[in-house]
PDB file of N, CA and C in Angstrom:
ATOM      1  N   MET A   1      92.935  75.628  44.488  1.00  0.00           N
ATOM      2  CA  MET A   1      93.910  75.869  43.443  1.00  0.00           C
ATOM      3  C   MET A   1      93.253  76.190  42.180  1.00  0.00           C
ATOM      4  N   GLN A   2      93.964  77.267  41.305  1.00  0.00           N
ATOM      5  CA  GLN A   2      92.826  77.408  40.405  1.00  0.00           C
ATOM      6  C   GLN A   2      93.228  76.623  38.910  1.00  0.00           C
ATOM      7  N   PRO A   3      92.633  76.814  38.056  1.00  0.00           N
ATOM      8  CA  PRO A   3      93.047  75.872  36.578  1.00  0.00           C
ATOM      9  C   PRO A   3      94.336  76.218  35.793  1.00  0.00           C
ATOM     10  N   ASP A   4      94.577  77.902  36.164  1.00  0.00           N
ATOM     11  CA  ASP A   4      95.591  77.849  35.654  1.00  0.00           C
ATOM     12  C   ASP A   4      97.120  77.785  36.269  1.00  0.00           C
ATOM     13  N   GLN A   5      96.727  77.533  37.432  1.00  0.00           N
ATOM     14  CA  GLN A   5      98.119  77.042  38.720  1.00  0.00           C
ATOM     15  C   GLN A   5      97.409  75.761  38.441  1.00  0.00           C
ATOM     16  N   GLN A   6      96.291  75.121  38.434  1.00  0.00           N
ATOM     17  CA  GLN A   6      96.910  73.519  38.347  1.00  0.00           C
ATOM     18  C   GLN A   6      97.773  72.928  37.232  1.00  0.00           C
ATOM     19  N   PHE A   7      97.001  73.760  35.799  1.00  0.00           N
ATOM     20  CA  PHE A   7      97.392  73.095  34.806  1.00  0.00           C
ATOM     21  C   PHE A   7      98.911  73.370  34.334  1.00  0.00           C
ATOM     22  N   LEU A   8      99.890  74.846  35.248  1.00  0.00           N
ATOM     23  CA  LEU A   8     101.444  74.476  35.233  1.00  0.00           C
ATOM     24  C   LEU A   8     102.171  73.765  36.111  1.00  0.00           C
ATOM     25  N   GLU A   9     101.016  73.252  36.896  1.00  0.00           N
ATOM     26  CA  GLU A   9     102.249  72.099  37.859  1.00  0.00           C
ATOM     27  C   GLU A   9     101.794  70.930  37.002  1.00  0.00           C
ATOM     28  N   TYR A  10     101.186  70.420  36.542  1.00  0.00           N
ATOM     29  CA  TYR A  10     101.020  69.869  35.857  1.00  0.00           C
ATOM     30  C   TYR A  10     101.986  69.348  34.823  1.00  0.00           C
ATOM     31  N   VAL A  11     101.922  70.469  33.908  1.00  0.00           N
ATOM     32  CA  VAL A  11     103.066  70.491  32.691  1.00  0.00           C
ATOM     33  C   VAL A  11     104.449  70.634  33.276  1.00  0.00           C
ATOM     34  N   ILE A  12     104.555  71.224  34.110  1.00  0.00           N
ATOM     35  CA  ILE A  12     105.829  71.742  34.989  1.00  0.00           C
ATOM     36  C   ILE A  12     106.437  70.265  35.478  1.00  0.00           C
ATOM     37  N   LYS A  13     105.998  69.534  36.467  1.00  0.00           N
ATOM     38  CA  LYS A  13     106.353  68.045  36.989  1.00  0.00           C
ATOM     39  C   LYS A  13     106.722  67.518  35.933  1.00  0.00           C
ATOM     40  N   ALA A  14     105.691  67.332  35.047  1.00  0.00           N
ATOM     41  CA  ALA A  14     105.862  66.004  33.937  1.00  0.00           C
ATOM     42  C   ALA A  14     107.272  66.513  33.168  1.00  0.00           C
ATOM     43  N   LEU A  15     107.618  67.969  33.427  1.00  0.00           N
ATOM     44  CA  LEU A  15     109.156  68.001  32.544  1.00  0.00           C
ATOM     45  C   LEU A  15     110.503  67.657  33.053  1.00  0.00           C
ATOM     46  N   VAL A  16     110.208  68.009  34.697  1.00  0.00           N
ATOM     47  CA  VAL A  16     111.550  68.281  35.859  1.00  0.00           C
ATOM     48  C   VAL A  16     112.185  66.530  36.302  1.00  0.00           C
ATOM     49  N   ASP A  17     113.138  66.637  36.357  1.00  0.00           N
ATOM     50  CA  ASP A  17     113.481  65.285  37.535  1.00  0.00           C
ATOM     51  C   ASP A  17     113.235  65.604  39.027  1.00  0.00           C
ATOM     52  N   VAL A  18     112.869  66.806  39.501  1.00  0.00           N
ATOM     53  CA  VAL A  18     112.597  66.781  40.835  1.00  0.00           C
ATOM     54  C   VAL A  18     111.465  67.643  41.192  1.00  0.00           C
ATOM     55  N   PRO A  19     110.193  66.813  40.864  1.00  0.00           N
ATOM     56  CA  PRO A  19     108.578  67.446  41.086  1.00  0.00           C
ATOM     57  C   PRO A  19     108.761  67.896  42.108  1.00  0.00           C
ATOM     58  N   ASP A  20     109.464  67.696  43.356  1.00  0.00           N
ATOM     59  CA  ASP A  20     108.928  67.680  44.597  1.00  0.00           C
ATOM     60  C   ASP A  20     109.386  69.179  44.748  1.00  0.00           C
ATOM     61  N   GLN A  21     110.676  69.736  43.983  1.00  0.00           N
ATOM     62  CA  GLN A  21     110.979  70.863  44.594  1.00  0.00           C
ATOM     63  C   GLN A  21     110.272  72.535  43.542  1.00  0.00           C
ATOM     64  N   VAL A  22     109.417  72.010  42.806  1.00  0.00           N
ATOM     65  CA  VAL A  22     108.670  73.065  41.933  1.00  0.00           C
ATOM     66  C   VAL A  22     107.399  73.487  43.273  1.00  0.00           C
ATOM     67  N   LYS A  23     107.650  74.997  42.871  1.00  0.00           N
ATOM     68  CA  LYS A  23     107.075  75.459  43.804  1.00  0.00           C
ATOM     69  C   LYS A  23     106.146  76.773  42.540  1.00  0.00           C
ATOM     70  N   ILE A  24     104.689  76.982  42.727  1.00  0.00           N
ATOM     71  CA  ILE A  24     104.190  78.754  42.103  1.00  0.00           C
ATOM     72  C   ILE A  24     103.240  79.226  42.913  1.00  0.00           C
ATOM     73  N   ASN A  25     103.815  80.016  43.004  1.00  0.00           N
ATOM     74  CA  ASN A  25     103.226  80.895  43.587  1.00  0.00           C
ATOM     75  C   ASN A  25     101.805  81.769  42.788  1.00  0.00           C
ATOM     76  N   ARG A  26     100.731  81.813  43.028  1.00  0.00           N
ATOM     77  CA  ARG A  26     100.003  82.737  42.092  1.00  0.00           C
ATOM     78  C   ARG A  26      99.441  83.949  42.530  1.00  0.00           C
ATOM     79  N   THR A  27      99.253  85.281  42.197  1.00  0.00           N
ATOM     80  CA  THR A  27      98.648  86.482  42.909  1.00  0.00           C
ATOM     81  C   THR A  27      98.081  87.137  41.222  1.00  0.00           C
ATOM     82  N   VAL A  28      97.034  87.883  42.113  1.00  0.00           N
ATOM     83  CA  VAL A  28      95.839  88.520  41.443  1.00  0.00           C
ATOM     84  C   VAL A  28      96.083  89.761  41.591  1.00  0.00           C
ATOM     85  N   ASP A  29      95.920  91.131  40.270  1.00  0.00           N
ATOM     86  CA  ASP A  29      96.385  92.364  40.377  1.00  0.00           C
ATOM     87  C   ASP A  29      95.253  92.783  39.602  1.00  0.00           C
ATOM     88  N   GLU A  30      95.339  94.139  39.197  1.00  0.00           N
ATOM     89  CA  GLU A  30      94.647  94.347  38.085  1.00  0.00           C
ATOM     90  C   GLU A  30      94.893  94.251  37.014  1.00  0.00           C
ATOM     91  N   MET A  31      96.112  93.740  37.125  1.00  0.00           N
ATOM     92  CA  MET A  31      96.660  93.680  35.022  1.00  0.00           C
ATOM     93  C   MET A  31      96.412  92.003  34.849  1.00  0.00           C
ATOM     94  N   GLY A  32      96.133  91.020  36.009  1.00  0.00           N
ATOM     95  CA  GLY A  32      95.458  89.859  35.251  1.00  0.00           C
ATOM     96  C   GLY A  32      96.246  88.884  36.978  1.00  0.00           C
ATOM     97  N   VAL A  33      96.549  87.521  36.296  1.00  0.00           N
ATOM     98  CA  VAL A  33      96.925  85.985  37.371  1.00  0.00           C
ATOM     99  C   VAL A  33      98.566  86.795  37.211  1.00  0.00           C
ATOM    100  N   PHE A  34      99.586  86.554  37.978  1.00  0.00           N
ATOM    101  CA  PHE A  34     100.866  86.737  37.872  1.00  0.00           C
ATOM    102  C   PHE A  34     100.929  85.235  38.638  1.00  0.00           C
ATOM    103  N   LEU A  35     101.685  84.504  37.733  1.00  0.00           N
ATOM    104  CA  LEU A  35     102.259  83.063  38.634  1.00  0.00           C
ATOM    105  C   LEU A  35     103.828  83.057  38.295  1.00  0.00           C
ATOM    106  N   THR A  36     104.618  82.963  39.547  1.00  0.00           N
ATOM    107  CA  THR A  36     105.916  82.612  39.953  1.00  0.00           C
ATOM    108  C   THR A  36     106.413  81.161  40.033  1.00  0.00           C
ATOM    109  N   LEU A  37     107.054  81.069  39.374  1.00  0.00           N
ATOM    110  CA  LEU A  37     107.487  79.493  39.122  1.00  0.00           C
ATOM    111  C   LEU A  37     108.598  79.162  39.571  1.00  0.00           C
ATOM    112  N   GLU A  38     109.492  78.305  40.618  1.00  0.00           N
ATOM    113  CA  GLU A  38     110.676  78.355  40.911  1.00  0.00           C
ATOM    114  C   GLU A  38     110.840  76.267  41.019  1.00  0.00           C
ATOM    115  N   VAL A  39     112.122  76.161  40.425  1.00  0.00           N
ATOM    116  CA  VAL A  39     111.920  74.637  40.789  1.00  0.00           C
ATOM    117  C   VAL A  39     114.059  74.528  40.819  1.00  0.00           C
ATOM    118  N   SER A  40     114.637  73.553  40.682  1.00  0.00           N
ATOM    119  CA  SER A  40     115.656  72.881  41.250  1.00  0.00           C
ATOM    120  C   SER A  40     116.926  73.636  40.260  1.00  0.00           C
ATOM    121  N   ALA A  41     117.337  74.089  40.828  1.00  0.00           N
ATOM    122  CA  ALA A  41     118.562  74.477  39.756  1.00  0.00           C
ATOM    123  C   ALA A  41     118.970  73.537  38.494  1.00  0.00           C
ATOM    124  N   ALA A  42     118.909  72.283  38.599  1.00  0.00           N
ATOM    125  CA  ALA A  42     119.021  71.167  38.198  1.00  0.00           C
ATOM    126  C   ALA A  42     118.021  70.848  37.371  1.00  0.00           C
ATOM    127  N   ASP A  43     117.049  71.280  37.535  1.00  0.00           N
ATOM    128  CA  ASP A  43     116.315  71.237  36.556  1.00  0.00           C
ATOM    129  C   ASP A  43     115.230  72.642  35.469  1.00  0.00           C
ATOM    130  N   MET A  44     116.494  73.987  35.775  1.00  0.00           N
ATOM    131  CA  MET A  44     116.042  75.389  35.001  1.00  0.00           C
ATOM    132  C   MET A  44     116.107  74.967  33.309  1.00  0.00           C
ATOM    133  N   GLY A  45     117.420  74.158  32.831  1.00  0.00           N
ATOM    134  CA  GLY A  45     117.516  74.150  31.135  1.00  0.00           C
ATOM    135  C   GLY A  45     116.020  73.212  30.831  1.00  0.00           C
ATOM    136  N   LYS A  46     115.281  72.364  31.733  1.00  0.00           N
ATOM    137  CA  LYS A  46     114.540  71.726  30.953  1.00  0.00           C
ATOM    138  C   LYS A  46     113.405  72.454  30.875  1.00  0.00           C
ATOM    139  N   ILE A  47     112.978  73.709  31.724  1.00  0.00           N
ATOM    140  CA  ILE A  47     112.506  74.646  31.466  1.00  0.00           C
ATOM    141  C   ILE A  47     112.247  75.741  30.900  1.00  0.00           C
ATOM    142  N   ILE A  48     113.635  75.784  30.601  1.00  0.00           N
ATOM    143  CA  ILE A  48     113.554  77.219  29.670  1.00  0.00           C
ATOM    144  C   ILE A  48     114.059  76.817  28.183  1.00  0.00           C
ATOM    145  N   GLY A  49     114.441  75.457  28.024  1.00  0.00           N
ATOM    146  CA  GLY A  49     114.466  74.585  26.589  1.00  0.00           C
ATOM    147  C   GLY A  49     115.503  75.417  26.094  1.00  0.00           C
ATOM    148  N   ARG A  50     115.728  75.045  24.948  1.00  0.00           N
ATOM    149  CA  ARG A  50     116.383  75.109  23.726  1.00  0.00           C
ATOM    150  C   ARG A  50     116.187  76.783  22.957  1.00  0.00           C
ATOM    151  N   GLN A  51     116.881  77.874  23.389  1.00  0.00           N
ATOM    152  CA  GLN A  51     116.701  79.258  22.844  1.00  0.00           C
ATOM    153  C   GLN A  51     115.130  79.543  23.778  1.00  0.00           C
ATOM    154  N   GLY A  52     115.063  79.246  24.866  1.00  0.00           N
ATOM    155  CA  GLY A  52     114.039  79.674  25.439  1.00  0.00           C
ATOM    156  C   GLY A  52     112.266  79.126  25.028  1.00  0.00           C
ATOM    157  N   ASN A  53     112.741  78.167  24.105  1.00  0.00           N
ATOM    158  CA  ASN A  53     111.112  77.550  23.417  1.00  0.00           C
ATOM    159  C   ASN A  53     110.568  76.809  24.390  1.00  0.00           C
ATOM    160  N   THR A  54     110.837  76.121  25.456  1.00  0.00           N
ATOM    161  CA  THR A  54     109.674  75.707  26.409  1.00  0.00           C
ATOM    162  C   THR A  54     108.878  76.234  27.198  1.00  0.00           C
ATOM    163  N   ALA A  55     109.698  77.823  27.361  1.00  0.00           N
ATOM    164  CA  ALA A  55     109.213  78.450  28.646  1.00  0.00           C
ATOM    165  C   ALA A  55     108.108  79.400  27.801  1.00  0.00           C
ATOM    166  N   LYS A  56     108.317  79.997  26.360  1.00  0.00           N
ATOM    167  CA  LYS A  56     107.795  80.312  25.417  1.00  0.00           C
ATOM    168  C   LYS A  56     106.564  79.400  24.924  1.00  0.00           C
ATOM    169  N   ALA A  57     106.462  77.914  24.931  1.00  0.00           N
ATOM    170  CA  ALA A  57     105.498  77.515  24.597  1.00  0.00           C
ATOM    171  C   ALA A  57     104.356  77.080  26.041  1.00  0.00           C
ATOM    172  N   VAL A  58     105.315  77.026  27.026  1.00  0.00           N
ATOM    173  CA  VAL A  58     104.611  77.046  28.483  1.00  0.00           C
ATOM    174  C   VAL A  58     103.540  78.518  28.453  1.00  0.00           C
ATOM    175  N   ARG A  59     104.649  79.623  28.756  1.00  0.00           N
ATOM    176  CA  ARG A  59     103.532  80.761  28.084  1.00  0.00           C
ATOM    177  C   ARG A  59     102.514  80.648  27.263  1.00  0.00           C
ATOM    178  N   THR A  60     102.629  80.394  26.176  1.00  0.00           N
ATOM    179  CA  THR A  60     101.472  80.426  25.300  1.00  0.00           C
ATOM    180  C   THR A  60     100.231  79.837  25.759  1.00  0.00           C
ATOM    181  N   LEU A  61     100.836  78.301  26.278  1.00  0.00           N
ATOM    182  CA  LEU A  61      99.712  77.427  26.734  1.00  0.00           C
ATOM    183  C   LEU A  61      98.858  77.998  27.955  1.00  0.00           C
ATOM    184  N   LEU A  62      99.546  78.848  28.881  1.00  0.00           N
ATOM    185  CA  LEU A  62      98.991  79.395  29.808  1.00  0.00           C
ATOM    186  C   LEU A  62      97.720  80.912  29.502  1.00  0.00           C
ATOM    187  N   ARG A  63      98.558  81.412  28.150  1.00  0.00           N
ATOM    188  CA  ARG A  63      97.460  82.787  27.948  1.00  0.00           C
ATOM    189  C   ARG A  63      96.251  81.840  27.472  1.00  0.00           C
ATOM    190  N   VAL A  64      96.166  80.634  26.810  1.00  0.00           N
ATOM    191  CA  VAL A  64      94.981  79.979  26.141  1.00  0.00           C
ATOM    192  C   VAL A  64      94.416  79.360  27.259  1.00  0.00           C
ATOM    193  N   VAL A  65      94.913  79.096  28.053  1.00  0.00           N
ATOM    194  CA  VAL A  65      94.196  78.647  29.638  1.00  0.00           C
ATOM    195  C   VAL A  65      93.165  79.492  30.325  1.00  0.00           C
ATOM    196  N   GLY A  66      94.002  80.864  30.424  1.00  0.00           N
ATOM    197  CA  GLY A  66      93.345  82.254  30.850  1.00  0.00           C
ATOM    198  C   GLY A  66      92.322  82.929  29.955  1.00  0.00           C
ATOM    199  N   MET A  67      92.318  82.490  28.724  1.00  0.00           N
ATOM    200  CA  MET A  67      91.297  83.131  27.808  1.00  0.00           C
ATOM    201  C   MET A  67      90.015  82.110  28.122  1.00  0.00           C
ATOM    202  N   LYS A  68      90.213  81.128  28.386  1.00  0.00           N
ATOM    203  CA  LYS A  68      88.970  80.234  28.528  1.00  0.00           C
ATOM    204  C   LYS A  68      88.690  80.612  30.010  1.00  0.00           C
ATOM    205  N   ASN A  69      89.210  81.210  31.092  1.00  0.00           N
ATOM    206  CA  ASN A  69      88.980  81.809  32.385  1.00  0.00           C
ATOM    207  C   ASN A  69      88.721  83.270  32.109  1.00  0.00           C
ATOM    208  N   ASN A  70      88.853  83.643  31.130  1.00  0.00           N
ATOM    209  CA  ASN A  70      88.580  85.413  30.746  1.00  0.00           C
ATOM    210  C   ASN A  70      89.429  86.117  31.933  1.00  0.00           C
ATOM    211  N   SER A  71      90.482  85.392  31.689  1.00  0.00           N
ATOM    212  CA  SER A  71      91.771  86.167  32.445  1.00  0.00           C
ATOM    213  C   SER A  71      92.970  86.549  32.026  1.00  0.00           C
ATOM    214  N   ARG A  72      94.377  87.488  32.160  1.00  0.00           N
ATOM    215  CA  ARG A  72      95.022  87.677  31.543  1.00  0.00           C
ATOM    216  C   ARG A  72      96.326  86.864  32.548  1.00  0.00           C
ATOM    217  N   VAL A  73      97.000  85.771  31.952  1.00  0.00           N
ATOM    218  CA  VAL A  73      97.905  84.776  32.891  1.00  0.00           C
ATOM    219  C   VAL A  73      99.091  84.917  32.347  1.00  0.00           C
ATOM    220  N   ASN A  74     100.374  86.216  33.154  1.00  0.00           N
ATOM    221  CA  ASN A  74     101.866  86.169  33.042  1.00  0.00           C
ATOM    222  C   ASN A  74     102.578  84.996  34.104  1.00  0.00           C
ATOM    223  N   LEU A  75     103.582  84.434  33.612  1.00  0.00           N
ATOM    224  CA  LEU A  75     104.707  83.751  34.434  1.00  0.00           C
ATOM    225  C   LEU A  75     105.924  84.147  34.405  1.00  0.00           C
ATOM    226  N   LYS A  76     106.411  84.121  35.587  1.00  0.00           N
ATOM    227  CA  LYS A  76     107.847  84.839  35.854  1.00  0.00           C
ATOM    228  C   LYS A  76     108.551  83.409  36.037  1.00  0.00           C
ATOM    229  N   ILE A  77     109.345  82.865  35.482  1.00  0.00           N
ATOM    230  CA  ILE A  77     109.966  81.688  36.198  1.00  0.00           C
ATOM    231  C   ILE A  77     111.330  82.311  36.682  1.00  0.00           C
ATOM    232  N   ASN A  78     111.357  82.058  38.674  1.00  0.00           N
ATOM    233  CA  ASN A  78     112.515  82.715  39.170  1.00  0.00           C
ATOM    234  C   ASN A  78     114.110  81.351  38.841  1.00  0.00           C
ATOM    235  N   GLU A  79     115.114  82.490  38.758  1.00  0.00           N
ATOM    236  CA  GLU A  79     116.254  81.495  38.810  1.00  0.00           C
ATOM    237  C   GLU A  79     116.714  81.014  39.762  1.00  0.00           C
ATOM    238  N   PRO A  80     117.430  80.069  40.377  1.00  0.00           N
ATOM    239  CA  PRO A  80     117.537  79.566  41.228  1.00  0.00           C
ATOM    240  C   PRO A  80     118.863  80.535  41.875  1.00  0.00           C
ATOM    241  N   VAL A  81     119.020  80.411  42.716  1.00  0.00           N
ATOM    242  CA  VAL A  81     120.499  81.136  43.645  1.00  0.00           C
ATOM    243  C   VAL A  81     121.829  80.692  43.052  1.00  0.00           C
ATOM    244  N   GLY A  82     122.350  81.268  42.237  1.00  0.00           N
ATOM    245  CA  GLY A  82     123.854  80.730  41.765  1.00  0.00           C
ATOM    246  C   GLY A  82     123.629  80.193  40.261  1.00  0.00           C
ATOM    247  N   GLY A  83     122.001  79.443  39.461  1.00  0.00           N
ATOM    248  CA  GLY A  83     121.944  79.542  38.270  1.00  0.00           C
ATOM    249  C   GLY A  83     122.972  78.153  38.281  1.00  0.00           C
ATOM    250  N   LEU A  84     123.012  77.179  38.600  1.00  0.00           N
ATOM    251  CA  LEU A  84     124.191  76.562  38.479  1.00  0.00           C
ATOM    252  C   LEU A  84     123.140  75.412  37.571  1.00  0.00           C
ATOM    253  N   LYS A  85     124.164  74.998  35.776  1.00  0.00           N
ATOM    254  CA  LYS A  85     123.821  74.166  35.228  1.00  0.00           C
ATOM    255  C   LYS A  85     123.489  72.679  35.349  1.00  0.00           C
ATOM    256  N   SER A  86     122.889  72.068  34.841  1.00  0.00           N
ATOM    257  CA  SER A  86     123.061  70.552  35.514  1.00  0.00           C
ATOM    258  C   SER A  86     124.374  69.694  35.667  1.00  0.00           C
ATOM    259  N   GLY A  87     124.209  69.285  36.609  1.00  0.00           N
ATOM    260  CA  GLY A  87     125.862  68.886  37.349  1.00  0.00           C
ATOM    261  C   GLY A  87     126.605  69.407  37.291  1.00  0.00           C
ATOM    262  N   GLU A  88     126.437  70.902  37.481  1.00  0.00           N
ATOM    263  CA  GLU A  88     127.618  72.048  37.539  1.00  0.00           C
ATOM    264  C   GLU A  88     127.265  71.828  39.480  1.00  0.00           C
ATOM    265  N   GLN A  89     129.260  72.184  40.230  1.00  0.00           N
ATOM    266  CA  GLN A  89     129.359  72.184  41.406  1.00  0.00           C
ATOM    267  C   GLN A  89     129.183  73.886  41.545  1.00  0.00           C
ATOM    268  N   PRO A  90     128.578  74.428  43.048  1.00  0.00           N
ATOM    269  CA  PRO A  90     128.730  75.720  43.137  1.00  0.00           C
ATOM    270  C   PRO A  90     130.525  76.173  43.240  1.00  0.00           C
ATOM    271  N   PHE A  91     130.457  77.399  42.592  1.00  0.00           N
ATOM    272  CA  PHE A  91     131.925  78.158  42.923  1.00  0.00           C
ATOM    273  C   PHE A  91     132.425  78.180  44.125  1.00  0.00           C
ATOM    274  N   THR A  92     133.895  77.678  44.532  1.00  0.00           N
ATOM    275  CA  THR A  92     133.933  77.881  45.560  1.00  0.00           C
ATOM    276  C   THR A  92     136.092  78.312  45.362  1.00  0.00           C
ATOM    277  N   THR A  93     136.461  78.771  46.431  1.00  0.00           N
ATOM    278  CA  THR A  93     137.880  79.409  46.380  1.00  0.00           C
ATOM    279  C   THR A  93     138.812  79.094  47.023  1.00  0.00           C
ATOM    280  N   SER A  94     139.903  78.820  46.960  1.00  0.00           N
ATOM    281  CA  SER A  94     140.990  78.636  47.915  1.00  0.00           C
ATOM    282  C   SER A  94     141.589  79.437  47.686  1.00  0.00           C
ATOM    283  N   ALA A  95     141.612  80.203  47.218  1.00  0.00           N
ATOM    284  CA  ALA A  95     142.826  81.476  47.130  1.00  0.00           C
ATOM    285  C   ALA A  95     143.051  82.187  48.221  1.00  0.00           C
ATOM    286  N   THR A  96     144.613  82.503  48.854  1.00  0.00           N
ATOM    287  CA  THR A  96     144.418  83.763  50.194  1.00  0.00           C
ATOM    288  C   THR A  96     144.398  85.177  49.445  1.00  0.00           C
ATOM    289  N   VAL A  97     143.908  85.328  50.815  1.00  0.00           N
ATOM    290  CA  VAL A  97     143.306  87.091  50.380  1.00  0.00           C
ATOM    291  C   VAL A  97     144.710  88.045  50.612  1.00  0.00           C
ATOM    292  N   LYS A  98     144.552  88.692  49.773  1.00  0.00           N
ATOM    293  CA  LYS A  98     146.037  89.403  49.635  1.00  0.00           C
ATOM    294  C   LYS A  98     145.666  90.822  50.230  1.00  0.00           C
ATOM    295  N   THR A  99     146.494  91.706  50.817  1.00  0.00           N
ATOM    296  CA  THR A  99     146.663  92.798  51.353  1.00  0.00           C
ATOM    297  C   THR A  99     146.764  94.072  49.681  1.00  0.00           C
ATOM    298  N   ILE A 100     145.890  95.038  50.137  1.00  0.00           N
ATOM    299  CA  ILE A 100     145.981  96.108  48.593  1.00  0.00           C
ATOM    300  C   ILE A 100     147.725  95.884  48.437  1.00  0.00           C
ATOM    301  N   ASP A 101     148.129  95.963  49.302  1.00  0.00           N
ATOM    302  CA  ASP A 101     150.022  96.655  48.690  1.00  0.00           C
ATOM    303  C   ASP A 101     150.538  95.316  47.734  1.00  0.00           C
ATOM    304  N   GLU A 102     149.956  93.962  48.113  1.00  0.00           N
ATOM    305  CA  GLU A 102     150.440  92.487  48.194  1.00  0.00           C
ATOM    306  C   GLU A 102     149.878  92.700  46.215  1.00  0.00           C
ATOM    307  N   ALA A 103     148.719  93.298  46.224  1.00  0.00           N
ATOM    308  CA  ALA A 103     147.935  92.929  45.078  1.00  0.00           C
ATOM    309  C   ALA A 103     148.717  94.297  43.909  1.00  0.00           C
ATOM    310  N   MET A 104     148.705  95.169  44.364  1.00  0.00           N
ATOM    311  CA  MET A 104     149.605  96.409  43.681  1.00  0.00           C
ATOM    312  C   MET A 104     150.613  96.006  43.154  1.00  0.00           C
ATOM    313  N   ALA A 105     151.837  95.068  44.174  1.00  0.00           N
ATOM    314  CA  ALA A 105     152.897  94.875  43.465  1.00  0.00           C
ATOM    315  C   ALA A 105     152.821  93.442  42.712  1.00  0.00           C
ATOM    316  N   ASP A 106     151.396  92.938  42.323  1.00  0.00           N
ATOM    317  CA  ASP A 106     151.091  91.639  41.285  1.00  0.00           C
ATOM    318  C   ASP A 106     151.275  92.369  40.096  1.00  0.00           C
ATOM    319  N   LEU A 107     150.684  93.600  40.328  1.00  0.00           N
ATOM    320  CA  LEU A 107     149.936  94.128  39.113  1.00  0.00           C
ATOM    321  C   LEU A 107     151.308  94.846  38.387  1.00  0.00           C
ATOM    322  N   LYS A 108     152.578  95.295  39.112  1.00  0.00           N
ATOM    323  CA  LYS A 108     153.795  95.688  38.366  1.00  0.00           C
ATOM    324  C   LYS A 108     153.707  94.988  37.465  1.00  0.00           C
ATOM    325  N   LEU A 109     154.549  95.419  35.677  1.00  0.00           N
ATOM    326  CA  LEU A 109     154.988  94.541  35.144  1.00  0.00           C
ATOM    327  C   LEU A 109     156.354  94.606  35.256  1.00  0.00           C
ATOM    328  N   GLY A 110     157.206  93.941  35.133  1.00  0.00           N
ATOM    329  CA  GLY A 110     158.908  93.814  34.367  1.00  0.00           C
ATOM    330  C   GLY A 110     159.838  93.747  35.503  1.00  0.00           C
TER     331      GLY A 110
END
């Protein structure tokens, strides 16, 4: 594991409630190092922070780590499927499916 990936893993696992769900993918191309971070849906708020301040700070620190290793480091934070807030339940509906004619009849006013 590279120093930038080790650093990111250490910081993120210290911030989240479910460290076992932290996944970091590292790729290198002509633009530099690209780290992709995945965390549990409940931990997204902690990683992003108020107005994105935590994410900005982590990105700034990763740039410093990259400069020490003569590389450019970028971070992408993948949003979990559904993007649930902490404690929020997935949206489900029990509404019956209407035909087009029924839906059009509902739209008529009067």
